[in-house]
Amino acid sequence: MELPRLNFQETFDFKFKKDKDKFFIYDHVRKTYLLLTPEEWVRQHWIHYYLHVKSFSASALILEKKILLNGLTKRIDLLITEKTLPKILIECKAPHIKLTEKTFEQTARYNSIVGASEIILTNGLHHINAYFDNGEYHFYQP
């Protein structure tokens, strides 16, 4: 399986396994192998980044948590907490998915439920980072 090189300065040591014709990647937070999809490839980079570069504990990372939005069950990709409070909501897309205003609005809607002070929308190649202040999002400049 050929995986795209993602836009991270660091390189991470991932564990893979193959079963029949499917590839799996080890998730250090859930302590299990997960099907290696393009979105999971991106999510695992962020997990490794927060565990090994930012030195957060695994208990500070919440993965694929269900939320209720307008009566519909949705699932957030990754939430970074600090002292159990939501800090950074990360919405991961596959590398081939273009980041648009529509995908950012989806992340902002999820955050209206979660209440994180910062959000990151990423496809692994591009990252949009914004913080919430005085009722609106302000984008970090690269």
N, C-alpha and C. Protein backbone atom coordinates (compact mmCIF):
# COMPACT_ATOMS: atom_id res chain seq x y z
N MET A 1 0.86 -1.19 0.00
CA MET A 1 0.00 0.00 0.00
C MET A 1 0.89 1.23 0.00
N GLU A 2 0.60 2.12 -0.92
CA GLU A 2 1.37 3.37 -1.01
C GLU A 2 0.62 4.47 -0.27
N LEU A 3 1.29 5.08 0.70
CA LEU A 3 0.68 6.13 1.51
C LEU A 3 1.33 7.47 1.19
N PRO A 4 0.53 8.53 1.07
CA PRO A 4 1.14 9.83 0.76
C PRO A 4 1.92 10.37 1.95
N ARG A 5 3.00 11.07 1.67
CA ARG A 5 3.75 11.77 2.72
C ARG A 5 2.93 12.98 3.11
N LEU A 6 2.64 13.11 4.39
CA LEU A 6 1.79 14.21 4.86
C LEU A 6 2.64 15.39 5.32
N ASN A 7 1.99 16.52 5.49
CA ASN A 7 2.66 17.78 5.81
C ASN A 7 2.91 17.92 7.32
N PHE A 8 3.87 17.15 7.81
CA PHE A 8 4.32 17.23 9.20
C PHE A 8 5.84 17.30 9.15
N GLN A 9 6.44 18.14 9.98
CA GLN A 9 7.91 18.21 10.02
C GLN A 9 8.49 16.93 10.57
N GLU A 10 7.78 16.32 11.49
CA GLU A 10 8.27 15.12 12.15
C GLU A 10 7.92 13.88 11.32
N THR A 11 8.70 12.82 11.55
CA THR A 11 8.34 11.51 11.02
C THR A 11 7.98 10.64 12.23
N PHE A 12 7.01 9.79 12.06
CA PHE A 12 6.52 8.99 13.16
C PHE A 12 6.73 7.51 12.86
N ASP A 13 6.84 6.74 13.91
CA ASP A 13 7.06 5.31 13.81
C ASP A 13 5.72 4.59 13.96
N PHE A 14 5.09 4.30 12.85
CA PHE A 14 3.79 3.64 12.86
C PHE A 14 3.97 2.13 12.83
N LYS A 15 3.03 1.41 13.42
CA LYS A 15 3.01 -0.05 13.35
C LYS A 15 1.86 -0.46 12.43
N PHE A 16 2.18 -1.32 11.48
CA PHE A 16 1.19 -1.79 10.51
C PHE A 16 1.08 -3.30 10.59
N LYS A 17 -0.04 -3.81 10.12
CA LYS A 17 -0.16 -5.24 9.87
C LYS A 17 -1.09 -5.43 8.68
N LYS A 18 -0.95 -6.58 8.05
CA LYS A 18 -1.77 -6.91 6.88
C LYS A 18 -2.52 -8.19 7.19
N ASP A 19 -3.80 -8.19 6.86
CA ASP A 19 -4.62 -9.38 7.02
C ASP A 19 -5.37 -9.57 5.71
N LYS A 20 -5.06 -10.65 5.04
CA LYS A 20 -5.58 -10.92 3.69
C LYS A 20 -5.17 -9.76 2.79
N ASP A 21 -6.12 -9.01 2.26
CA ASP A 21 -5.75 -7.91 1.36
C ASP A 21 -5.95 -6.54 2.01
N LYS A 22 -6.10 -6.49 3.33
CA LYS A 22 -6.34 -5.22 4.02
C LYS A 22 -5.18 -4.87 4.93
N PHE A 23 -4.92 -3.56 5.03
CA PHE A 23 -3.87 -3.06 5.89
C PHE A 23 -4.48 -2.40 7.11
N PHE A 24 -3.78 -2.52 8.24
CA PHE A 24 -4.23 -1.96 9.50
C PHE A 24 -3.09 -1.17 10.13
N ILE A 25 -3.46 -0.14 10.90
CA ILE A 25 -2.48 0.69 11.60
C ILE A 25 -2.80 0.66 13.09
N TYR A 26 -1.75 0.62 13.90
CA TYR A 26 -1.94 0.54 15.34
C TYR A 26 -2.26 1.92 15.91
N ASP A 27 -3.31 1.98 16.71
CA ASP A 27 -3.74 3.20 17.38
C ASP A 27 -3.26 3.12 18.83
N HIS A 28 -2.35 4.03 19.21
CA HIS A 28 -1.76 4.02 20.55
C HIS A 28 -2.72 4.48 21.64
N VAL A 29 -3.80 5.14 21.27
CA VAL A 29 -4.77 5.58 22.27
C VAL A 29 -5.76 4.46 22.56
N ARG A 30 -6.30 3.87 21.51
CA ARG A 30 -7.28 2.79 21.69
C ARG A 30 -6.62 1.42 21.86
N LYS A 31 -5.31 1.37 21.66
CA LYS A 31 -4.52 0.15 21.83
C LYS A 31 -5.05 -1.02 21.01
N THR A 32 -5.28 -0.73 19.74
CA THR A 32 -5.77 -1.76 18.81
C THR A 32 -5.38 -1.36 17.39
N TYR A 33 -5.44 -2.34 16.50
CA TYR A 33 -5.22 -2.05 15.08
C TYR A 33 -6.54 -1.64 14.44
N LEU A 34 -6.47 -0.61 13.61
CA LEU A 34 -7.65 -0.09 12.90
C LEU A 34 -7.41 -0.19 11.40
N LEU A 35 -8.49 -0.36 10.66
CA LEU A 35 -8.39 -0.39 9.20
C LEU A 35 -7.72 0.89 8.71
N LEU A 36 -6.72 0.73 7.88
CA LEU A 36 -5.96 1.88 7.38
C LEU A 36 -6.67 2.51 6.19
N THR A 37 -7.49 3.52 6.48
CA THR A 37 -8.15 4.31 5.45
C THR A 37 -7.36 5.60 5.27
N PRO A 38 -7.57 6.34 4.18
CA PRO A 38 -6.87 7.62 4.03
C PRO A 38 -7.13 8.58 5.20
N GLU A 39 -8.36 8.62 5.70
CA GLU A 39 -8.68 9.49 6.83
C GLU A 39 -7.98 9.02 8.11
N GLU A 40 -7.91 7.71 8.30
CA GLU A 40 -7.22 7.17 9.48
C GLU A 40 -5.73 7.48 9.43
N TRP A 41 -5.15 7.47 8.25
CA TRP A 41 -3.74 7.83 8.06
C TRP A 41 -3.49 9.25 8.57
N VAL A 42 -4.39 10.16 8.24
CA VAL A 42 -4.28 11.55 8.71
C VAL A 42 -4.48 11.62 10.22
N ARG A 43 -5.52 10.97 10.73
CA ARG A 43 -5.81 11.00 12.17
C ARG A 43 -4.63 10.46 12.97
N GLN A 44 -4.01 9.36 12.52
CA GLN A 44 -2.90 8.78 13.25
C GLN A 44 -1.68 9.70 13.30
N HIS A 45 -1.48 10.51 12.26
CA HIS A 45 -0.41 11.50 12.31
C HIS A 45 -0.67 12.51 13.43
N TRP A 46 -1.92 12.97 13.54
CA TRP A 46 -2.24 13.93 14.60
C TRP A 46 -2.13 13.29 15.98
N ILE A 47 -2.53 12.06 16.11
CA ILE A 47 -2.39 11.36 17.39
C ILE A 47 -0.92 11.29 17.78
N HIS A 48 -0.07 10.86 16.87
CA HIS A 48 1.36 10.78 17.15
C HIS A 48 1.94 12.16 17.45
N TYR A 49 1.48 13.16 16.74
CA TYR A 49 1.97 14.53 16.97
C TYR A 49 1.68 14.95 18.41
N TYR A 50 0.45 14.76 18.86
CA TYR A 50 0.10 15.20 20.22
C TYR A 50 0.71 14.30 21.29
N LEU A 51 0.90 13.03 21.02
CA LEU A 51 1.52 12.14 22.01
C LEU A 51 3.03 12.33 22.09
N HIS A 52 3.69 12.42 20.93
CA HIS A 52 5.15 12.36 20.91
C HIS A 52 5.84 13.70 20.73
N VAL A 53 5.19 14.67 20.14
CA VAL A 53 5.80 16.00 19.96
C VAL A 53 5.31 16.95 21.04
N LYS A 54 4.02 16.99 21.26
CA LYS A 54 3.44 17.89 22.26
C LYS A 54 3.38 17.26 23.65
N SER A 55 3.68 15.98 23.75
CA SER A 55 3.76 15.24 25.02
C SER A 55 2.47 15.24 25.84
N PHE A 56 1.34 15.15 25.16
CA PHE A 56 0.06 14.98 25.85
C PHE A 56 -0.06 13.51 26.26
N SER A 57 -0.79 13.24 27.31
CA SER A 57 -1.04 11.85 27.69
C SER A 57 -2.17 11.31 26.81
N ALA A 58 -2.19 10.01 26.64
CA ALA A 58 -3.23 9.39 25.81
C ALA A 58 -4.62 9.70 26.36
N SER A 59 -4.74 9.88 27.66
CA SER A 59 -6.05 10.16 28.26
C SER A 59 -6.57 11.56 27.89
N ALA A 60 -5.71 12.42 27.36
CA ALA A 60 -6.13 13.76 26.93
C ALA A 60 -6.69 13.76 25.50
N LEU A 61 -6.60 12.63 24.82
CA LEU A 61 -7.07 12.52 23.44
C LEU A 61 -8.35 11.71 23.41
N ILE A 62 -9.38 12.28 22.83
CA ILE A 62 -10.67 11.60 22.69
C ILE A 62 -10.90 11.39 21.20
N LEU A 63 -11.14 10.13 20.82
CA LEU A 63 -11.26 9.78 19.41
C LEU A 63 -12.66 9.33 19.06
N GLU A 64 -13.14 9.83 17.92
CA GLU A 64 -14.41 9.41 17.34
C GLU A 64 -15.58 9.42 18.33
N LYS A 65 -15.65 10.49 19.08
CA LYS A 65 -16.73 10.65 20.06
C LYS A 65 -18.02 11.03 19.34
N LYS A 66 -19.10 10.41 19.74
CA LYS A 66 -20.41 10.73 19.16
C LYS A 66 -20.95 12.01 19.79
N ILE A 67 -21.53 12.85 18.95
CA ILE A 67 -22.21 14.06 19.41
C ILE A 67 -23.58 14.12 18.74
N LEU A 68 -24.49 14.85 19.33
CA LEU A 68 -25.82 15.03 18.75
C LEU A 68 -25.91 16.46 18.21
N LEU A 69 -26.14 16.58 16.90
CA LEU A 69 -26.21 17.88 16.24
C LEU A 69 -27.50 17.96 15.45
N ASN A 70 -28.39 18.87 15.87
CA ASN A 70 -29.69 19.04 15.20
C ASN A 70 -30.44 17.71 15.09
N GLY A 71 -30.39 16.91 16.14
CA GLY A 71 -31.11 15.65 16.16
C GLY A 71 -30.41 14.51 15.44
N LEU A 72 -29.25 14.77 14.85
CA LEU A 72 -28.50 13.75 14.13
C LEU A 72 -27.25 13.37 14.90
N THR A 73 -26.92 12.09 14.90
CA THR A 73 -25.70 11.64 15.54
C THR A 73 -24.53 11.84 14.59
N LYS A 74 -23.54 12.57 15.05
CA LYS A 74 -22.31 12.81 14.29
C LYS A 74 -21.15 12.29 15.11
N ARG A 75 -19.99 12.21 14.48
CA ARG A 75 -18.82 11.70 15.18
C ARG A 75 -17.64 12.63 14.91
N ILE A 76 -17.03 13.13 15.99
CA ILE A 76 -15.85 13.98 15.82
C ILE A 76 -14.62 13.08 15.67
N ASP A 77 -13.62 13.54 14.94
CA ASP A 77 -12.44 12.73 14.69
C ASP A 77 -11.50 12.68 15.89
N LEU A 78 -11.13 13.84 16.42
CA LEU A 78 -10.16 13.90 17.50
C LEU A 78 -10.39 15.16 18.31
N LEU A 79 -10.41 14.99 19.62
CA LEU A 79 -10.54 16.12 20.54
C LEU A 79 -9.39 16.06 21.52
N ILE A 80 -8.65 17.16 21.60
CA ILE A 80 -7.56 17.28 22.56
C ILE A 80 -8.12 18.02 23.76
N THR A 81 -7.95 17.43 24.95
CA THR A 81 -8.46 18.07 26.16
C THR A 81 -7.29 18.49 27.05
N GLU A 82 -7.59 19.44 27.91
CA GLU A 82 -6.62 19.88 28.91
C GLU A 82 -7.36 19.97 30.22
N LYS A 83 -6.95 19.17 31.19
CA LYS A 83 -7.66 19.07 32.48
C LYS A 83 -9.14 18.77 32.24
N THR A 84 -9.41 17.85 31.36
CA THR A 84 -10.72 17.35 30.94
C THR A 84 -11.57 18.36 30.18
N LEU A 85 -11.08 19.58 29.96
CA LEU A 85 -11.82 20.58 29.19
C LEU A 85 -11.44 20.51 27.72
N PRO A 86 -12.43 20.67 26.81
CA PRO A 86 -12.12 20.62 25.37
C PRO A 86 -11.20 21.77 24.97
N LYS A 87 -10.09 21.44 24.33
CA LYS A 87 -9.11 22.46 23.93
C LYS A 87 -9.04 22.60 22.41
N ILE A 88 -8.80 21.49 21.70
CA ILE A 88 -8.63 21.55 20.25
C ILE A 88 -9.47 20.45 19.60
N LEU A 89 -10.36 20.84 18.72
CA LEU A 89 -11.14 19.89 17.93
C LEU A 89 -10.46 19.74 16.58
N ILE A 90 -10.13 18.50 16.21
CA ILE A 90 -9.45 18.25 14.93
C ILE A 90 -10.37 17.41 14.06
N GLU A 91 -10.69 17.94 12.91
CA GLU A 91 -11.51 17.24 11.92
C GLU A 91 -10.59 16.81 10.79
N CYS A 92 -10.49 15.49 10.58
CA CYS A 92 -9.58 14.93 9.59
C CYS A 92 -10.34 14.51 8.33
N LYS A 93 -9.78 14.88 7.22
CA LYS A 93 -10.30 14.47 5.92
C LYS A 93 -9.21 13.66 5.22
N ALA A 94 -9.58 12.87 4.25
CA ALA A 94 -8.60 12.13 3.45
C ALA A 94 -7.76 13.13 2.65
N PRO A 95 -6.51 12.77 2.35
CA PRO A 95 -5.63 13.71 1.62
C PRO A 95 -6.19 14.21 0.29
N HIS A 96 -7.03 13.43 -0.37
CA HIS A 96 -7.57 13.86 -1.67
C HIS A 96 -8.78 14.80 -1.51
N ILE A 97 -9.29 14.99 -0.31
CA ILE A 97 -10.44 15.86 -0.08
C ILE A 97 -9.97 17.31 0.04
N LYS A 98 -10.55 18.17 -0.74
CA LYS A 98 -10.18 19.59 -0.71
C LYS A 98 -10.82 20.25 0.52
N LEU A 99 -10.05 21.08 1.20
CA LEU A 99 -10.58 21.83 2.34
C LEU A 99 -11.26 23.09 1.82
N THR A 100 -12.53 23.21 2.13
CA THR A 100 -13.31 24.33 1.60
C THR A 100 -14.02 25.04 2.75
N GLU A 101 -14.68 26.12 2.41
CA GLU A 101 -15.47 26.83 3.41
C GLU A 101 -16.55 25.90 3.96
N LYS A 102 -17.12 25.05 3.11
CA LYS A 102 -18.16 24.12 3.54
C LYS A 102 -17.61 23.12 4.57
N THR A 103 -16.41 22.57 4.33
CA THR A 103 -15.84 21.63 5.29
C THR A 103 -15.45 22.33 6.58
N PHE A 104 -15.01 23.60 6.49
CA PHE A 104 -14.71 24.34 7.71
C PHE A 104 -16.00 24.59 8.51
N GLU A 105 -17.09 24.94 7.82
CA GLU A 105 -18.36 25.17 8.51
C GLU A 105 -18.85 23.90 9.21
N GLN A 106 -18.62 22.74 8.61
CA GLN A 106 -18.97 21.47 9.25
C GLN A 106 -18.22 21.34 10.58
N THR A 107 -16.93 21.62 10.56
CA THR A 107 -16.11 21.54 11.78
C THR A 107 -16.61 22.55 12.82
N ALA A 108 -16.94 23.75 12.38
CA ALA A 108 -17.44 24.78 13.30
C ALA A 108 -18.78 24.36 13.91
N ARG A 109 -19.64 23.71 13.12
CA ARG A 109 -20.92 23.20 13.66
C ARG A 109 -20.66 22.14 14.73
N TYR A 110 -19.74 21.24 14.47
CA TYR A 110 -19.39 20.23 15.48
C TYR A 110 -18.89 20.92 16.74
N ASN A 111 -18.09 21.96 16.55
CA ASN A 111 -17.53 22.65 17.71
C ASN A 111 -18.57 23.44 18.49
N SER A 112 -19.68 23.77 17.85
CA SER A 112 -20.76 24.46 18.58
C SER A 112 -21.31 23.55 19.68
N ILE A 113 -21.15 22.24 19.52
CA ILE A 113 -21.55 21.27 20.53
C ILE A 113 -20.40 20.99 21.50
N VAL A 114 -19.19 20.85 20.96
CA VAL A 114 -18.02 20.46 21.75
C VAL A 114 -17.50 21.59 22.62
N GLY A 115 -17.40 22.80 22.04
CA GLY A 115 -16.95 23.97 22.80
C GLY A 115 -15.44 24.09 22.98
N ALA A 116 -14.66 23.60 22.03
CA ALA A 116 -13.20 23.76 22.09
C ALA A 116 -12.82 25.20 21.75
N SER A 117 -11.70 25.65 22.29
CA SER A 117 -11.26 27.02 22.02
C SER A 117 -10.55 27.14 20.68
N GLU A 118 -10.20 26.01 20.08
CA GLU A 118 -9.47 26.02 18.83
C GLU A 118 -9.94 24.86 17.96
N ILE A 119 -9.92 25.03 16.65
CA ILE A 119 -10.22 23.93 15.75
C ILE A 119 -9.16 23.84 14.66
N ILE A 120 -8.95 22.62 14.23
CA ILE A 120 -8.05 22.35 13.12
C ILE A 120 -8.81 21.50 12.12
N LEU A 121 -8.85 21.95 10.89
CA LEU A 121 -9.41 21.18 9.78
C LEU A 121 -8.21 20.77 8.94
N THR A 122 -8.07 19.47 8.67
CA THR A 122 -6.88 18.99 8.00
C THR A 122 -7.18 17.85 7.04
N ASN A 123 -6.43 17.81 5.96
CA ASN A 123 -6.42 16.62 5.10
C ASN A 123 -5.03 16.00 5.11
N GLY A 124 -4.21 16.44 6.06
CA GLY A 124 -2.85 15.93 6.18
C GLY A 124 -1.85 16.68 5.33
N LEU A 125 -2.31 17.22 4.22
CA LEU A 125 -1.44 18.00 3.34
C LEU A 125 -1.58 19.48 3.64
N HIS A 126 -2.80 19.89 3.97
CA HIS A 126 -3.11 21.28 4.32
C HIS A 126 -3.84 21.28 5.66
N HIS A 127 -3.55 22.31 6.45
CA HIS A 127 -4.18 22.43 7.76
C HIS A 127 -4.74 23.84 7.90
N ILE A 128 -5.99 23.94 8.32
CA ILE A 128 -6.61 25.24 8.62
C ILE A 128 -6.81 25.27 10.13
N ASN A 129 -6.23 26.28 10.76
CA ASN A 129 -6.25 26.38 12.21
C ASN A 129 -6.91 27.69 12.61
N ALA A 130 -7.91 27.62 13.49
CA ALA A 130 -8.62 28.83 13.91
C ALA A 130 -8.94 28.73 15.40
N TYR A 131 -9.02 29.88 16.04
CA TYR A 131 -9.44 29.91 17.44
C TYR A 131 -10.73 30.71 17.55
N PHE A 132 -11.52 30.36 18.55
CA PHE A 132 -12.84 30.95 18.75
C PHE A 132 -12.74 32.01 19.83
N ASP A 133 -13.14 33.23 19.50
CA ASP A 133 -13.07 34.33 20.46
C ASP A 133 -14.19 35.33 20.16
N ASN A 134 -14.88 35.76 21.20
CA ASN A 134 -15.96 36.74 21.05
C ASN A 134 -16.98 36.34 19.99
N GLY A 135 -17.34 35.05 19.96
CA GLY A 135 -18.38 34.58 19.06
C GLY A 135 -17.99 34.39 17.62
N GLU A 136 -16.69 34.48 17.29
CA GLU A 136 -16.28 34.25 15.90
C GLU A 136 -14.92 33.58 15.82
N TYR A 137 -14.66 32.99 14.67
CA TYR A 137 -13.38 32.31 14.45
C TYR A 137 -12.38 33.27 13.85
N HIS A 138 -11.16 33.16 14.35
CA HIS A 138 -10.03 33.92 13.84
C HIS A 138 -9.00 32.92 13.36
N PHE A 139 -8.53 33.10 12.15
CA PHE A 139 -7.62 32.14 11.54
C PHE A 139 -6.17 32.50 11.86
N TYR A 140 -5.41 31.46 12.22
CA TYR A 140 -3.97 31.64 12.41
C TYR A 140 -3.35 31.81 11.06
N GLN A 141 -2.40 32.72 10.95
CA GLN A 141 -1.71 32.92 9.69
C GLN A 141 -0.47 32.02 9.67
N PRO A 142 -0.23 31.33 8.55
CA PRO A 142 0.93 30.42 8.47
C PRO A 142 2.25 31.18 8.52
